Amino acid sequence: IFMSHYGMCIDWVHLVLTLASNSRTNWSFFTGFSVLNIIY
């Protein structure tokens, strides 16, 4: 379970880094992070 969750975190970080190339870096990051907080 821990490894699976860790893998998902890595994938999320990769996604954030990918979105970082956009002009809405902060907006995408905080919005996504808030969604994750709601889900988990």
N, C-alpha and C. Protein backbone atom coordinates (compact mmCIF):
# COMPACT_ATOMS: atom_id res chain seq x y z
N ILE A 1 0.85 -1.20 0.00
CA ILE A 1 0.00 0.00 0.00
C ILE A 1 0.89 1.25 0.00
N PHE A 2 1.92 1.24 0.83
CA PHE A 2 2.80 2.40 0.91
C PHE A 2 3.50 2.66 -0.42
N MET A 3 4.01 1.57 -1.02
CA MET A 3 4.71 1.71 -2.29
C MET A 3 3.77 2.24 -3.36
N SER A 4 2.53 1.76 -3.36
CA SER A 4 1.56 2.20 -4.36
C SER A 4 1.27 3.69 -4.18
N HIS A 5 1.06 4.11 -2.94
CA HIS A 5 0.78 5.52 -2.66
C HIS A 5 1.99 6.37 -3.02
N TYR A 6 3.19 5.85 -2.73
CA TYR A 6 4.42 6.58 -3.05
C TYR A 6 4.54 6.76 -4.55
N GLY A 7 4.18 5.72 -5.30
CA GLY A 7 4.24 5.79 -6.76
C GLY A 7 3.29 6.85 -7.28
N MET A 8 2.10 6.92 -6.69
CA MET A 8 1.11 7.91 -7.12
C MET A 8 1.63 9.31 -6.84
N CYS A 9 2.32 9.49 -5.72
CA CYS A 9 2.87 10.80 -5.37
C CYS A 9 3.91 11.21 -6.41
N ILE A 10 4.75 10.26 -6.80
CA ILE A 10 5.78 10.53 -7.80
C ILE A 10 5.13 10.94 -9.12
N ASP A 11 4.07 10.21 -9.51
CA ASP A 11 3.36 10.53 -10.75
C ASP A 11 2.77 11.93 -10.66
N TRP A 12 2.22 12.29 -9.50
CA TRP A 12 1.62 13.61 -9.31
C TRP A 12 2.68 14.70 -9.43
N VAL A 13 3.86 14.45 -8.82
CA VAL A 13 4.95 15.42 -8.88
C VAL A 13 5.36 15.62 -10.33
N HIS A 14 5.44 14.51 -11.08
CA HIS A 14 5.81 14.59 -12.50
C HIS A 14 4.78 15.42 -13.26
N LEU A 15 3.50 15.22 -12.92
CA LEU A 15 2.42 15.96 -13.58
C LEU A 15 2.55 17.45 -13.27
N VAL A 16 2.83 17.77 -12.01
CA VAL A 16 2.99 19.18 -11.61
C VAL A 16 4.16 19.81 -12.35
N LEU A 17 5.27 19.07 -12.44
CA LEU A 17 6.44 19.59 -13.14
C LEU A 17 6.12 19.83 -14.60
N THR A 18 5.27 18.96 -15.18
CA THR A 18 4.88 19.12 -16.57
C THR A 18 4.03 20.38 -16.73
N LEU A 19 3.12 20.59 -15.78
CA LEU A 19 2.25 21.77 -15.83
C LEU A 19 3.04 23.04 -15.55
N ALA A 20 4.20 22.88 -14.93
CA ALA A 20 5.02 24.04 -14.57
C ALA A 20 5.43 24.84 -15.80
N SER A 21 5.38 24.22 -16.98
CA SER A 21 5.77 24.90 -18.20
C SER A 21 4.67 25.84 -18.68
N ASN A 22 3.49 25.72 -18.07
CA ASN A 22 2.37 26.59 -18.46
C ASN A 22 2.43 27.91 -17.70
N SER A 23 1.61 28.86 -18.11
CA SER A 23 1.59 30.17 -17.46
C SER A 23 0.80 30.13 -16.16
N ARG A 24 -0.01 29.07 -15.97
CA ARG A 24 -0.83 28.97 -14.76
C ARG A 24 -0.22 27.99 -13.76
N THR A 25 1.08 28.07 -13.57
CA THR A 25 1.77 27.13 -12.69
C THR A 25 1.16 27.11 -11.30
N ASN A 26 1.12 28.28 -10.66
CA ASN A 26 0.62 28.36 -9.29
C ASN A 26 -0.84 27.93 -9.21
N TRP A 27 -1.66 28.39 -10.16
CA TRP A 27 -3.08 28.07 -10.13
C TRP A 27 -3.28 26.56 -10.24
N SER A 28 -2.60 25.93 -11.20
CA SER A 28 -2.74 24.49 -11.40
C SER A 28 -2.25 23.73 -10.17
N PHE A 29 -1.12 24.17 -9.62
CA PHE A 29 -0.55 23.48 -8.47
C PHE A 29 -1.47 23.52 -7.26
N PHE A 30 -1.90 24.72 -6.89
CA PHE A 30 -2.73 24.85 -5.69
C PHE A 30 -4.09 24.20 -5.88
N THR A 31 -4.65 24.32 -7.09
CA THR A 31 -5.96 23.71 -7.35
C THR A 31 -5.84 22.19 -7.23
N GLY A 32 -4.83 21.62 -7.89
CA GLY A 32 -4.63 20.17 -7.85
C GLY A 32 -4.33 19.69 -6.44
N PHE A 33 -3.52 20.45 -5.71
CA PHE A 33 -3.16 20.06 -4.35
C PHE A 33 -4.39 20.07 -3.46
N SER A 34 -5.27 21.07 -3.66
CA SER A 34 -6.50 21.15 -2.87
C SER A 34 -7.38 19.95 -3.17
N VAL A 35 -7.45 19.56 -4.44
CA VAL A 35 -8.26 18.41 -4.84
C VAL A 35 -7.72 17.15 -4.17
N LEU A 36 -6.39 17.00 -4.15
CA LEU A 36 -5.79 15.83 -3.51
C LEU A 36 -6.11 15.81 -2.03
N ASN A 37 -6.07 16.98 -1.39
CA ASN A 37 -6.39 17.05 0.04
C ASN A 37 -7.82 16.62 0.29
N ILE A 38 -8.73 16.98 -0.63
CA ILE A 38 -10.13 16.61 -0.48
C ILE A 38 -10.29 15.10 -0.66
N ILE A 39 -9.60 14.55 -1.68
CA ILE A 39 -9.71 13.12 -1.97
C ILE A 39 -9.12 12.29 -0.83
N TYR A 40 -7.90 12.66 -0.41
CA TYR A 40 -7.24 11.89 0.64
C TYR A 40 -7.51 12.50 2.01
